[in-house]
């Protein structure tokens, strides 16, 4: 990243707070205004809980937000461990508690909170909700990868946490082996949150002492990073329609969550190996938000901390919803932690 794209500005959580009520975090925004009619969803609230807890400079405002997000997730997890996803603006669930990506997201966030929340009563409450949800198992690869990340955090802090260890082992078994030939990815196409599969293998394998899983995760991450790096050296992320063998970029629309997932995975790889190429890769992900991307446009608002919803040919989606804002904030956290922002 060039000096002109580097920033030493601390993250702003103003837009995050704007999207948040006493109930939860609104999913969508029209430009920078919350779209109340679309309500809340567990996917975003789970991401929000992780982001506010991961901020090293905790404030009373972040503690307030953490309380809101944790309470939302506690309500979402049914007694049998299934999870609601969608709630309307009046605070009523609009779906049945089932199994989907949101289950994995909830498990991931609750596991992180159980291990790392600054307040002890938040850690206790998160642990109880995590254990309810950990009674379930998902057949889906990505839901399992999200859940594995939360289980790994619990096991890392409490090696005797048998329920978390069992969930971690079962979830990692859902991630397929690499393919043979030039297309190493274990699926026929790159889809979404691709790097999360790599992060789950690296983090989960490290916690379990499984060097084979760590090696597999690093191998897949190497392939993914090479596939999503343009000839010019910046990230050229997989678009919303995915990417298959032989498909070259730029592909549209590129979603900020893909950059954030890549930042998380590369940070895990650096933590495991101390190989500087992974720190450099985290720098690339943050540079993508600062405008070093296929459209040459900034995807982050420095004043409010808002993230823009998608990178489009020659421009960006002007809406600033929850997912994109959390992706920008999370990537900035990773870059600052490694000294590359």
C-alpha atoms as a PDB file:
ATOM      1  CA  UNK A   1       0.000   0.000   0.000  1.00  0.00           C
ATOM      2  CA  UNK A   2       1.352   3.447  -0.860  1.00  0.00           C
ATOM      3  CA  UNK A   3       1.766   6.206   1.688  1.00  0.00           C
ATOM      4  CA  UNK A   4      -1.156   8.044   0.095  1.00  0.00           C
ATOM      5  CA  UNK A   5      -3.559   5.235   0.942  1.00  0.00           C
ATOM      6  CA  UNK A   6      -2.336   4.591   4.477  1.00  0.00           C
ATOM      7  CA  UNK A   7      -4.377   5.979   7.370  1.00  0.00           C
ATOM      8  CA  UNK A   8      -3.662   6.289  11.061  1.00  0.00           C
ATOM      9  CA  UNK A   9      -7.239   7.305  11.894  1.00  0.00           C
ATOM     10  CA  UNK A  10      -8.844   5.296  14.697  1.00  0.00           C
ATOM     11  CA  UNK A  11     -12.117   3.555  13.846  1.00  0.00           C
ATOM     12  CA  UNK A  12     -15.326   5.522  14.290  1.00  0.00           C
ATOM     13  CA  UNK A  13     -18.395   3.664  15.544  1.00  0.00           C
ATOM     14  CA  UNK A  14     -20.844   6.495  14.821  1.00  0.00           C
ATOM     15  CA  UNK A  15     -22.610   4.746  11.942  1.00  0.00           C
ATOM     16  CA  UNK A  16     -22.725   1.488  13.876  1.00  0.00           C
ATOM     17  CA  UNK A  17     -24.513   3.307  16.695  1.00  0.00           C
ATOM     18  CA  UNK A  18     -26.839   5.015  14.187  1.00  0.00           C
ATOM     19  CA  UNK A  19     -27.982   1.637  12.880  1.00  0.00           C
ATOM     20  CA  UNK A  20     -28.529   0.318  16.422  1.00  0.00           C
ATOM     21  CA  UNK A  21     -31.618   0.642  18.620  1.00  0.00           C
ATOM     22  CA  UNK A  22     -32.291  -0.720  22.083  1.00  0.00           C
ATOM     23  CA  UNK A  23     -33.394  -3.943  20.352  1.00  0.00           C
ATOM     24  CA  UNK A  24     -30.692  -4.689  17.784  1.00  0.00           C
ATOM     25  CA  UNK A  25     -28.949  -3.458  14.651  1.00  0.00           C
ATOM     26  CA  UNK A  26     -30.923  -2.677  11.503  1.00  0.00           C
ATOM     27  CA  UNK A  27     -29.780  -4.761   8.552  1.00  0.00           C
ATOM     28  CA  UNK A  28     -30.081  -2.236   5.708  1.00  0.00           C
ATOM     29  CA  UNK A  29     -29.636   1.469   5.086  1.00  0.00           C
ATOM     30  CA  UNK A  30     -30.688   3.847   2.312  1.00  0.00           C
ATOM     31  CA  UNK A  31     -27.491   5.810   1.935  1.00  0.00           C
ATOM     32  CA  UNK A  32     -26.767   6.458   5.636  1.00  0.00           C
ATOM     33  CA  UNK A  33     -30.339   6.203   6.992  1.00  0.00           C
ATOM     34  CA  UNK A  34     -31.549   2.926   8.556  1.00  0.00           C
ATOM     35  CA  UNK A  35     -34.243   1.108   6.580  1.00  0.00           C
ATOM     36  CA  UNK A  36     -36.483   0.310   9.512  1.00  0.00           C
ATOM     37  CA  UNK A  37     -38.953  -1.668   7.401  1.00  0.00           C
ATOM     38  CA  UNK A  38     -36.336  -4.408   6.833  1.00  0.00           C
ATOM     39  CA  UNK A  39     -35.851  -5.042  10.545  1.00  0.00           C
ATOM     40  CA  UNK A  40     -33.002  -6.904  12.198  1.00  0.00           C
ATOM     41  CA  UNK A  41     -31.177 -10.166  11.541  1.00  0.00           C
ATOM     42  CA  UNK A  42     -28.944 -12.433  13.602  1.00  0.00           C
ATOM     43  CA  UNK A  43     -26.257 -12.563  10.891  1.00  0.00           C
ATOM     44  CA  UNK A  44     -25.456  -8.870  11.342  1.00  0.00           C
ATOM     45  CA  UNK A  45     -25.963  -8.675  15.090  1.00  0.00           C
ATOM     46  CA  UNK A  46     -23.560 -11.587  15.549  1.00  0.00           C
ATOM     47  CA  UNK A  47     -20.940  -9.820  13.462  1.00  0.00           C
ATOM     48  CA  UNK A  48     -21.571  -6.619  15.412  1.00  0.00           C
ATOM     49  CA  UNK A  49     -21.028  -8.302  18.778  1.00  0.00           C
ATOM     50  CA  UNK A  50     -17.676  -9.668  17.640  1.00  0.00           C
ATOM     51  CA  UNK A  51     -16.544  -6.311  16.252  1.00  0.00           C
ATOM     52  CA  UNK A  52     -17.381  -4.258  19.341  1.00  0.00           C
ATOM     53  CA  UNK A  53     -15.780  -6.810  21.661  1.00  0.00           C
ATOM     54  CA  UNK A  54     -12.654  -6.999  19.505  1.00  0.00           C
ATOM     55  CA  UNK A  55     -12.022  -3.249  19.752  1.00  0.00           C
ATOM     56  CA  UNK A  56      -8.981  -2.859  22.044  1.00  0.00           C
ATOM     57  CA  UNK A  57     -10.022   0.606  23.283  1.00  0.00           C
ATOM     58  CA  UNK A  58     -13.259  -0.214  25.091  1.00  0.00           C
ATOM     59  CA  UNK A  59     -15.664   2.598  26.006  1.00  0.00           C
ATOM     60  CA  UNK A  60     -19.004   2.797  27.842  1.00  0.00           C
ATOM     61  CA  UNK A  61     -20.687   3.218  24.444  1.00  0.00           C
ATOM     62  CA  UNK A  62     -19.169  -0.008  23.120  1.00  0.00           C
ATOM     63  CA  UNK A  63     -20.230  -1.794  26.322  1.00  0.00           C
ATOM     64  CA  UNK A  64     -23.778  -0.509  25.747  1.00  0.00           C
ATOM     65  CA  UNK A  65     -23.758  -1.831  22.195  1.00  0.00           C
ATOM     66  CA  UNK A  66     -22.350  -5.178  23.332  1.00  0.00           C
ATOM     67  CA  UNK A  67     -25.204  -5.516  25.829  1.00  0.00           C
ATOM     68  CA  UNK A  68     -27.789  -4.894  23.095  1.00  0.00           C
ATOM     69  CA  UNK A  69     -26.212  -7.357  20.677  1.00  0.00           C
ATOM     70  CA  UNK A  70     -25.686 -10.077  23.281  1.00  0.00           C
ATOM     71  CA  UNK A  71     -29.280  -9.791  24.506  1.00  0.00           C
ATOM     72  CA  UNK A  72     -30.518 -10.092  20.906  1.00  0.00           C
ATOM     73  CA  UNK A  73     -28.518 -13.284  20.359  1.00  0.00           C
ATOM     74  CA  UNK A  74     -29.647 -14.760  23.669  1.00  0.00           C
ATOM     75  CA  UNK A  75     -33.242 -14.248  22.576  1.00  0.00           C
ATOM     76  CA  UNK A  76     -32.510 -15.754  19.174  1.00  0.00           C
ATOM     77  CA  UNK A  77     -31.252 -19.113  20.472  1.00  0.00           C
ATOM     78  CA  UNK A  78     -34.158 -21.431  21.208  1.00  0.00           C
ATOM     79  CA  UNK A  79     -34.008 -23.983  24.068  1.00  0.00           C
ATOM     80  CA  UNK A  80     -33.160 -26.752  21.583  1.00  0.00           C
ATOM     81  CA  UNK A  81     -30.259 -24.767  20.111  1.00  0.00           C
ATOM     82  CA  UNK A  82     -31.922 -23.768  16.846  1.00  0.00           C
ATOM     83  CA  UNK A  83     -31.769 -20.060  16.044  1.00  0.00           C
ATOM     84  CA  UNK A  84     -34.152 -17.408  14.770  1.00  0.00           C
ATOM     85  CA  UNK A  85     -32.710 -15.043  12.172  1.00  0.00           C
ATOM     86  CA  UNK A  86     -35.176 -12.261  11.384  1.00  0.00           C
ATOM     87  CA  UNK A  87     -36.982  -9.842  13.683  1.00  0.00           C
ATOM     88  CA  UNK A  88     -39.236  -6.979  12.653  1.00  0.00           C
ATOM     89  CA  UNK A  89     -38.867  -3.402  13.821  1.00  0.00           C
ATOM     90  CA  UNK A  90     -41.408  -4.009  16.594  1.00  0.00           C
ATOM     91  CA  UNK A  91     -39.265  -6.709  18.156  1.00  0.00           C
ATOM     92  CA  UNK A  92     -41.127  -9.827  16.974  1.00  0.00           C
ATOM     93  CA  UNK A  93     -39.462 -12.794  15.293  1.00  0.00           C
ATOM     94  CA  UNK A  94     -40.778 -13.280  11.777  1.00  0.00           C
ATOM     95  CA  UNK A  95     -39.343 -16.778  11.288  1.00  0.00           C
ATOM     96  CA  UNK A  96     -39.127 -20.088  13.076  1.00  0.00           C
ATOM     97  CA  UNK A  97     -35.930 -21.074  14.849  1.00  0.00           C
ATOM     98  CA  UNK A  98     -34.080 -23.233  12.343  1.00  0.00           C
ATOM     99  CA  UNK A  99     -30.599 -24.099  11.102  1.00  0.00           C
ATOM    100  CA  UNK A 100     -28.795 -21.843   8.631  1.00  0.00           C
ATOM    101  CA  UNK A 101     -25.812 -19.567   8.277  1.00  0.00           C
ATOM    102  CA  UNK A 102     -27.261 -17.488  11.121  1.00  0.00           C
ATOM    103  CA  UNK A 103     -26.901 -20.444  13.496  1.00  0.00           C
ATOM    104  CA  UNK A 104     -23.193 -20.598  12.678  1.00  0.00           C
ATOM    105  CA  UNK A 105     -22.818 -16.835  12.965  1.00  0.00           C
ATOM    106  CA  UNK A 106     -24.537 -16.858  16.349  1.00  0.00           C
ATOM    107  CA  UNK A 107     -22.352 -19.698  17.629  1.00  0.00           C
ATOM    108  CA  UNK A 108     -19.252 -17.906  16.365  1.00  0.00           C
ATOM    109  CA  UNK A 109     -20.106 -14.629  18.087  1.00  0.00           C
ATOM    110  CA  UNK A 110     -21.278 -16.243  21.324  1.00  0.00           C
ATOM    111  CA  UNK A 111     -18.110 -18.324  21.494  1.00  0.00           C
ATOM    112  CA  UNK A 112     -15.983 -15.219  20.979  1.00  0.00           C
ATOM    113  CA  UNK A 113     -17.942 -13.359  23.673  1.00  0.00           C
ATOM    114  CA  UNK A 114     -17.706 -16.293  26.076  1.00  0.00           C
ATOM    115  CA  UNK A 115     -13.942 -16.212  25.717  1.00  0.00           C
ATOM    116  CA  UNK A 116     -13.175 -12.510  25.349  1.00  0.00           C
ATOM    117  CA  UNK A 117     -15.962 -10.205  26.558  1.00  0.00           C
ATOM    118  CA  UNK A 118     -14.415  -7.650  28.948  1.00  0.00           C
ATOM    119  CA  UNK A 119     -17.308  -7.914  31.426  1.00  0.00           C
ATOM    120  CA  UNK A 120     -17.572 -11.194  33.389  1.00  0.00           C
ATOM    121  CA  UNK A 121     -21.380 -11.285  33.313  1.00  0.00           C
ATOM    122  CA  UNK A 122     -21.283 -10.957  29.528  1.00  0.00           C
ATOM    123  CA  UNK A 123     -18.898 -13.922  29.351  1.00  0.00           C
ATOM    124  CA  UNK A 124     -21.209 -15.982  31.571  1.00  0.00           C
ATOM    125  CA  UNK A 125     -24.356 -15.180  29.606  1.00  0.00           C
ATOM    126  CA  UNK A 126     -22.610 -15.815  26.296  1.00  0.00           C
ATOM    127  CA  UNK A 127     -21.390 -19.183  27.562  1.00  0.00           C
ATOM    128  CA  UNK A 128     -24.897 -20.344  28.427  1.00  0.00           C
ATOM    129  CA  UNK A 129     -26.275 -19.284  25.030  1.00  0.00           C
ATOM    130  CA  UNK A 130     -23.287 -20.826  23.252  1.00  0.00           C
ATOM    131  CA  UNK A 131     -23.836 -24.160  24.983  1.00  0.00           C
ATOM    132  CA  UNK A 132     -27.512 -24.214  23.963  1.00  0.00           C
ATOM    133  CA  UNK A 133     -26.644 -23.642  20.313  1.00  0.00           C
ATOM    134  CA  UNK A 134     -23.654 -26.008  20.455  1.00  0.00           C
ATOM    135  CA  UNK A 135     -26.038 -28.927  20.951  1.00  0.00           C
ATOM    136  CA  UNK A 136     -26.894 -28.676  17.246  1.00  0.00           C
ATOM    137  CA  UNK A 137     -24.869 -29.570  14.167  1.00  0.00           C
ATOM    138  CA  UNK A 138     -25.181 -28.096  10.692  1.00  0.00           C
ATOM    139  CA  UNK A 139     -24.633 -30.068   7.476  1.00  0.00           C
ATOM    140  CA  UNK A 140     -23.693 -26.818   5.694  1.00  0.00           C
ATOM    141  CA  UNK A 141     -20.022 -26.050   5.081  1.00  0.00           C
ATOM    142  CA  UNK A 142     -20.111 -22.325   5.826  1.00  0.00           C
ATOM    143  CA  UNK A 143     -22.419 -22.517   8.820  1.00  0.00           C
ATOM    144  CA  UNK A 144     -20.055 -25.135  10.230  1.00  0.00           C
ATOM    145  CA  UNK A 145     -17.024 -22.929   9.555  1.00  0.00           C
ATOM    146  CA  UNK A 146     -18.640 -19.975  11.340  1.00  0.00           C
ATOM    147  CA  UNK A 147     -19.470 -22.209  14.301  1.00  0.00           C
ATOM    148  CA  UNK A 148     -15.958 -23.674  14.356  1.00  0.00           C
ATOM    149  CA  UNK A 149     -14.491 -20.214  14.899  1.00  0.00           C
ATOM    150  CA  UNK A 150     -16.564 -19.668  18.033  1.00  0.00           C
ATOM    151  CA  UNK A 151     -15.880 -23.154  19.339  1.00  0.00           C
ATOM    152  CA  UNK A 152     -12.147 -22.650  18.782  1.00  0.00           C
ATOM    153  CA  UNK A 153     -12.181 -19.479  20.898  1.00  0.00           C
ATOM    154  CA  UNK A 154     -13.878 -21.310  23.748  1.00  0.00           C
ATOM    155  CA  UNK A 155     -11.486 -24.269  23.597  1.00  0.00           C
ATOM    156  CA  UNK A 156      -8.479 -21.954  23.407  1.00  0.00           C
ATOM    157  CA  UNK A 157      -9.534 -20.310  26.675  1.00  0.00           C
ATOM    158  CA  UNK A 158     -10.895 -23.475  28.328  1.00  0.00           C
ATOM    159  CA  UNK A 159      -9.218 -26.639  27.028  1.00  0.00           C
ATOM    160  CA  UNK A 160     -11.572 -28.772  29.166  1.00  0.00           C
ATOM    161  CA  UNK A 161     -14.698 -27.403  27.432  1.00  0.00           C
ATOM    162  CA  UNK A 162     -15.856 -30.749  26.061  1.00  0.00           C
ATOM    163  CA  UNK A 163     -19.005 -29.515  24.306  1.00  0.00           C
ATOM    164  CA  UNK A 164     -17.056 -26.833  22.450  1.00  0.00           C
ATOM    165  CA  UNK A 165     -14.302 -29.279  21.518  1.00  0.00           C
ATOM    166  CA  UNK A 166     -16.819 -31.776  20.153  1.00  0.00           C
ATOM    167  CA  UNK A 167     -18.529 -29.050  18.112  1.00  0.00           C
ATOM    168  CA  UNK A 168     -15.163 -27.868  16.781  1.00  0.00           C
ATOM    169  CA  UNK A 169     -14.131 -31.348  15.661  1.00  0.00           C
ATOM    170  CA  UNK A 170     -17.487 -32.071  14.031  1.00  0.00           C
ATOM    171  CA  UNK A 171     -17.616 -28.683  12.296  1.00  0.00           C
ATOM    172  CA  UNK A 172     -14.130 -28.951  10.805  1.00  0.00           C
ATOM    173  CA  UNK A 173     -15.007 -32.354   9.376  1.00  0.00           C
ATOM    174  CA  UNK A 174     -17.626 -30.605   7.209  1.00  0.00           C
ATOM    175  CA  UNK A 175     -14.962 -28.682   5.284  1.00  0.00           C
ATOM    176  CA  UNK A 176     -14.051 -30.696   2.162  1.00  0.00           C
ATOM    177  CA  UNK A 177     -10.528 -31.640   1.196  1.00  0.00           C
ATOM    178  CA  UNK A 178      -8.766 -29.540  -1.469  1.00  0.00           C
ATOM    179  CA  UNK A 179      -9.444 -30.472  -5.060  1.00  0.00           C
ATOM    180  CA  UNK A 180      -6.734 -31.883  -7.289  1.00  0.00           C
ATOM    181  CA  UNK A 181      -5.338 -30.039 -10.276  1.00  0.00           C
ATOM    182  CA  UNK A 182      -5.021 -26.319 -10.904  1.00  0.00           C
ATOM    183  CA  UNK A 183      -8.353 -25.514  -9.210  1.00  0.00           C
ATOM    184  CA  UNK A 184      -7.477 -26.314  -5.602  1.00  0.00           C
ATOM    185  CA  UNK A 185     -10.647 -24.964  -4.011  1.00  0.00           C
ATOM    186  CA  UNK A 186     -12.803 -27.768  -2.525  1.00  0.00           C
ATOM    187  CA  UNK A 187     -15.939 -26.487  -4.278  1.00  0.00           C
ATOM    188  CA  UNK A 188     -16.646 -26.073  -7.975  1.00  0.00           C
ATOM    189  CA  UNK A 189     -16.933 -22.293  -7.510  1.00  0.00           C
ATOM    190  CA  UNK A 190     -15.857 -19.655  -5.037  1.00  0.00           C
ATOM    191  CA  UNK A 191     -19.063 -18.487  -3.402  1.00  0.00           C
ATOM    192  CA  UNK A 192     -19.205 -16.186  -0.361  1.00  0.00           C
ATOM    193  CA  UNK A 193     -17.200 -15.873   2.861  1.00  0.00           C
ATOM    194  CA  UNK A 194     -14.708 -18.172   1.164  1.00  0.00           C
ATOM    195  CA  UNK A 195     -11.772 -17.301   3.401  1.00  0.00           C
ATOM    196  CA  UNK A 196     -13.766 -18.329   6.469  1.00  0.00           C
ATOM    197  CA  UNK A 197     -13.174 -21.962   5.506  1.00  0.00           C
ATOM    198  CA  UNK A 198      -9.429 -21.279   5.596  1.00  0.00           C
ATOM    199  CA  UNK A 199      -9.647 -19.401   8.898  1.00  0.00           C
ATOM    200  CA  UNK A 200     -11.629 -22.217  10.525  1.00  0.00           C
ATOM    201  CA  UNK A 201      -9.025 -24.795   9.506  1.00  0.00           C
ATOM    202  CA  UNK A 202      -6.101 -22.627  10.637  1.00  0.00           C
ATOM    203  CA  UNK A 203      -7.577 -21.500  13.954  1.00  0.00           C
ATOM    204  CA  UNK A 204      -9.418 -24.705  14.765  1.00  0.00           C
ATOM    205  CA  UNK A 205      -6.543 -26.914  13.694  1.00  0.00           C
ATOM    206  CA  UNK A 206      -4.155 -24.887  15.814  1.00  0.00           C
ATOM    207  CA  UNK A 207      -6.335 -25.205  18.908  1.00  0.00           C
ATOM    208  CA  UNK A 208      -6.697 -28.960  18.397  1.00  0.00           C
ATOM    209  CA  UNK A 209      -2.988 -29.458  17.728  1.00  0.00           C
ATOM    210  CA  UNK A 210      -3.831 -30.728  14.244  1.00  0.00           C
ATOM    211  CA  UNK A 211      -1.004 -29.564  11.998  1.00  0.00           C
ATOM    212  CA  UNK A 212      -2.659 -31.292   9.045  1.00  0.00           C
ATOM    213  CA  UNK A 213      -5.690 -29.018   9.311  1.00  0.00           C
ATOM    214  CA  UNK A 214      -3.522 -25.917   9.664  1.00  0.00           C
ATOM    215  CA  UNK A 215      -1.502 -26.924   6.603  1.00  0.00           C
ATOM    216  CA  UNK A 216      -4.685 -27.474   4.603  1.00  0.00           C
ATOM    217  CA  UNK A 217      -6.043 -24.081   5.646  1.00  0.00           C
ATOM    218  CA  UNK A 218      -2.822 -22.318   4.661  1.00  0.00           C
ATOM    219  CA  UNK A 219      -2.790 -24.118   1.319  1.00  0.00           C
ATOM    220  CA  UNK A 220      -6.350 -23.062   0.519  1.00  0.00           C
ATOM    221  CA  UNK A 221      -5.693 -19.508   1.685  1.00  0.00           C
ATOM    222  CA  UNK A 222      -2.635 -19.294  -0.567  1.00  0.00           C
ATOM    223  CA  UNK A 223      -4.767 -20.387  -3.525  1.00  0.00           C
ATOM    224  CA  UNK A 224      -7.581 -17.979  -2.631  1.00  0.00           C
ATOM    225  CA  UNK A 225      -5.281 -14.988  -2.204  1.00  0.00           C
ATOM    226  CA  UNK A 226      -3.537 -15.685  -5.515  1.00  0.00           C
ATOM    227  CA  UNK A 227      -6.898 -16.063  -7.265  1.00  0.00           C
ATOM    228  CA  UNK A 228      -8.195 -12.784  -5.855  1.00  0.00           C
ATOM    229  CA  UNK A 229      -5.110 -10.629  -6.477  1.00  0.00           C
ATOM    230  CA  UNK A 230      -5.061  -8.643  -9.695  1.00  0.00           C
ATOM    231  CA  UNK A 231      -2.021  -8.372 -11.933  1.00  0.00           C
ATOM    232  CA  UNK A 232      -1.686  -4.767 -10.712  1.00  0.00           C
ATOM    233  CA  UNK A 233      -1.225  -6.068  -7.181  1.00  0.00           C
ATOM    234  CA  UNK A 234      -4.486  -5.017  -5.554  1.00  0.00           C
ATOM    235  CA  UNK A 235      -7.306  -7.299  -4.465  1.00  0.00           C
ATOM    236  CA  UNK A 236      -9.835  -8.214  -7.142  1.00  0.00           C
ATOM    237  CA  UNK A 237     -12.456  -9.992  -5.085  1.00  0.00           C
ATOM    238  CA  UNK A 238     -14.885 -12.649  -6.242  1.00  0.00           C
ATOM    239  CA  UNK A 239     -18.145 -10.986  -7.290  1.00  0.00           C
ATOM    240  CA  UNK A 240     -21.619 -11.665  -6.006  1.00  0.00           C
ATOM    241  CA  UNK A 241     -22.165 -14.334  -8.690  1.00  0.00           C
ATOM    242  CA  UNK A 242     -19.099 -16.288  -7.570  1.00  0.00           C
ATOM    243  CA  UNK A 243     -16.033 -17.355  -9.519  1.00  0.00           C
ATOM    244  CA  UNK A 244     -15.158 -20.617 -11.209  1.00  0.00           C
ATOM    245  CA  UNK A 245     -12.049 -22.058 -12.866  1.00  0.00           C
ATOM    246  CA  UNK A 246     -10.709 -19.813 -15.601  1.00  0.00           C
ATOM    247  CA  UNK A 247     -12.891 -16.813 -14.714  1.00  0.00           C
ATOM    248  CA  UNK A 248     -10.798 -13.651 -14.594  1.00  0.00           C
ATOM    249  CA  UNK A 249     -11.555 -10.369 -12.924  1.00  0.00           C
ATOM    250  CA  UNK A 250     -12.718  -7.873 -12.387  1.00  0.00           C
ATOM    251  CA  UNK A 251     -15.956  -9.522 -11.291  1.00  0.00           C
ATOM    252  CA  UNK A 252     -18.904  -7.542  -9.957  1.00  0.00           C
ATOM    253  CA  UNK A 253     -20.423  -6.659  -7.587  1.00  0.00           C
ATOM    254  CA  UNK A 254     -17.669  -7.125  -5.021  1.00  0.00           C
ATOM    255  CA  UNK A 255     -18.894  -7.326  -1.443  1.00  0.00           C
ATOM    256  CA  UNK A 256     -16.956  -5.827   1.499  1.00  0.00           C
ATOM    257  CA  UNK A 257     -17.610  -8.942   3.564  1.00  0.00           C
ATOM    258  CA  UNK A 258     -15.262 -10.862   1.248  1.00  0.00           C
ATOM    259  CA  UNK A 259     -12.390  -8.504   2.058  1.00  0.00           C
ATOM    260  CA  UNK A 260     -13.167  -8.789   5.766  1.00  0.00           C
ATOM    261  CA  UNK A 261     -13.216 -12.588   5.677  1.00  0.00           C
ATOM    262  CA  UNK A 262      -9.876 -12.551   3.885  1.00  0.00           C
ATOM    263  CA  UNK A 263      -8.457 -10.167   6.502  1.00  0.00           C
ATOM    264  CA  UNK A 264      -9.593 -12.469   9.316  1.00  0.00           C
ATOM    265  CA  UNK A 265      -8.079 -15.540   7.673  1.00  0.00           C
ATOM    266  CA  UNK A 266      -4.769 -13.847   6.871  1.00  0.00           C
ATOM    267  CA  UNK A 267      -4.551 -12.495  10.425  1.00  0.00           C
ATOM    268  CA  UNK A 268      -5.067 -16.042  11.727  1.00  0.00           C
ATOM    269  CA  UNK A 269      -2.384 -17.292   9.346  1.00  0.00           C
ATOM    270  CA  UNK A 270       0.064 -14.649  10.560  1.00  0.00           C
ATOM    271  CA  UNK A 271      -0.720 -15.443  14.188  1.00  0.00           C
ATOM    272  CA  UNK A 272      -0.011 -19.113  13.512  1.00  0.00           C
ATOM    273  CA  UNK A 273       3.098 -18.777  11.314  1.00  0.00           C
ATOM    274  CA  UNK A 274       4.505 -15.236  11.812  1.00  0.00           C
ATOM    275  CA  UNK A 275       5.124 -15.269   8.060  1.00  0.00           C
ATOM    276  CA  UNK A 276       5.134 -11.587   6.963  1.00  0.00           C
ATOM    277  CA  UNK A 277       3.338 -12.373   3.711  1.00  0.00           C
ATOM    278  CA  UNK A 278       0.133 -12.835   5.699  1.00  0.00           C
ATOM    279  CA  UNK A 279       0.572  -9.464   7.401  1.00  0.00           C
ATOM    280  CA  UNK A 280       1.104  -7.953   3.955  1.00  0.00           C
ATOM    281  CA  UNK A 281      -2.100  -9.626   2.800  1.00  0.00           C
ATOM    282  CA  UNK A 282      -4.049  -7.995   5.649  1.00  0.00           C
ATOM    283  CA  UNK A 283      -2.638  -4.690   4.421  1.00  0.00           C
ATOM    284  CA  UNK A 284      -4.035  -5.476   0.958  1.00  0.00           C
ATOM    285  CA  UNK A 285      -7.512  -6.025   2.396  1.00  0.00           C
ATOM    286  CA  UNK A 286      -7.512  -2.665   4.130  1.00  0.00           C
ATOM    287  CA  UNK A 287      -6.119  -0.998   1.003  1.00  0.00           C
ATOM    288  CA  UNK A 288      -9.185  -2.361  -0.853  1.00  0.00           C
ATOM    289  CA  UNK A 289     -11.406  -0.255   1.437  1.00  0.00           C
ATOM    290  CA  UNK A 290      -9.191   2.789   0.922  1.00  0.00           C
ATOM    291  CA  UNK A 291      -9.573   2.670  -2.862  1.00  0.00           C
ATOM    292  CA  UNK A 292      -6.857   0.309  -4.043  1.00  0.00           C
ATOM    293  CA  UNK A 293      -9.413  -1.839  -5.837  1.00  0.00           C
ATOM    294  CA  UNK A 294     -10.805  -2.527  -9.316  1.00  0.00           C
ATOM    295  CA  UNK A 295     -12.907   0.655  -9.365  1.00  0.00           C
ATOM    296  CA  UNK A 296     -10.353   2.896  -7.678  1.00  0.00           C
ATOM    297  CA  UNK A 297     -12.876   4.213  -5.150  1.00  0.00           C
ATOM    298  CA  UNK A 298     -12.925   4.356  -1.362  1.00  0.00           C
ATOM    299  CA  UNK A 299     -15.304   1.911   0.348  1.00  0.00           C
ATOM    300  CA  UNK A 300     -15.111   3.400   3.839  1.00  0.00           C
ATOM    301  CA  UNK A 301     -16.246   6.686   5.414  1.00  0.00           C
ATOM    302  CA  UNK A 302     -13.532   7.844   7.797  1.00  0.00           C
ATOM    303  CA  UNK A 303     -15.812  10.249   9.677  1.00  0.00           C
ATOM    304  CA  UNK A 304     -18.551   7.791  10.606  1.00  0.00           C
ATOM    305  CA  UNK A 305     -16.970   4.363  10.138  1.00  0.00           C
ATOM    306  CA  UNK A 306     -19.610   3.410   7.563  1.00  0.00           C
ATOM    307  CA  UNK A 307     -18.842   0.891   4.843  1.00  0.00           C
ATOM    308  CA  UNK A 308     -20.378   1.082   1.353  1.00  0.00           C
ATOM    309  CA  UNK A 309     -22.479  -1.872   0.256  1.00  0.00           C
ATOM    310  CA  UNK A 310     -20.742  -2.974  -2.932  1.00  0.00           C
ATOM    311  CA  UNK A 311     -17.991  -2.224  -5.419  1.00  0.00           C
ATOM    312  CA  UNK A 312     -19.471  -1.723  -8.886  1.00  0.00           C
ATOM    313  CA  UNK A 313     -17.969  -1.041 -12.321  1.00  0.00           C
ATOM    314  CA  UNK A 314     -16.526   2.446 -12.016  1.00  0.00           C
ATOM    315  CA  UNK A 315     -18.111   3.174  -8.657  1.00  0.00           C
ATOM    316  CA  UNK A 316     -19.818   1.912  -5.540  1.00  0.00           C
ATOM    317  CA  UNK A 317     -23.237   1.289  -4.048  1.00  0.00           C
ATOM    318  CA  UNK A 318     -23.976   4.385  -1.970  1.00  0.00           C
ATOM    319  CA  UNK A 319     -25.950   2.516   0.694  1.00  0.00           C
ATOM    320  CA  UNK A 320     -24.187   1.865   3.979  1.00  0.00           C
ATOM    321  CA  UNK A 321     -25.775  -1.153   5.629  1.00  0.00           C
ATOM    322  CA  UNK A 322     -24.775  -3.226   8.624  1.00  0.00           C
ATOM    323  CA  UNK A 323     -22.813  -5.946   6.835  1.00  0.00           C
ATOM    324  CA  UNK A 324     -20.612  -3.531   4.906  1.00  0.00           C
ATOM    325  CA  UNK A 325     -20.007  -1.247   7.877  1.00  0.00           C
ATOM    326  CA  UNK A 326     -19.005  -4.172  10.060  1.00  0.00           C
ATOM    327  CA  UNK A 327     -16.740  -5.485   7.306  1.00  0.00           C
ATOM    328  CA  UNK A 328     -14.903  -2.161   7.105  1.00  0.00           C
ATOM    329  CA  UNK A 329     -14.562  -1.854  10.875  1.00  0.00           C
ATOM    330  CA  UNK A 330     -13.438  -5.449  11.290  1.00  0.00           C
ATOM    331  CA  UNK A 331     -10.821  -5.149   8.568  1.00  0.00           C
ATOM    332  CA  UNK A 332      -9.507  -1.922  10.074  1.00  0.00           C
ATOM    333  CA  UNK A 333      -9.211  -3.655  13.442  1.00  0.00           C
ATOM    334  CA  UNK A 334      -7.119  -6.419  11.893  1.00  0.00           C
ATOM    335  CA  UNK A 335      -4.898  -3.959  10.036  1.00  0.00           C
ATOM    336  CA  UNK A 336      -4.323  -1.796  13.102  1.00  0.00           C
ATOM    337  CA  UNK A 337      -3.504  -4.836  15.252  1.00  0.00           C
ATOM    338  CA  UNK A 338      -0.770  -5.797  12.795  1.00  0.00           C
ATOM    339  CA  UNK A 339       0.492  -2.253  12.353  1.00  0.00           C
ATOM    340  CA  UNK A 340      -0.462  -1.933   8.685  1.00  0.00           C
ATOM    341  CA  UNK A 341      -3.140   0.785   8.995  1.00  0.00           C
END
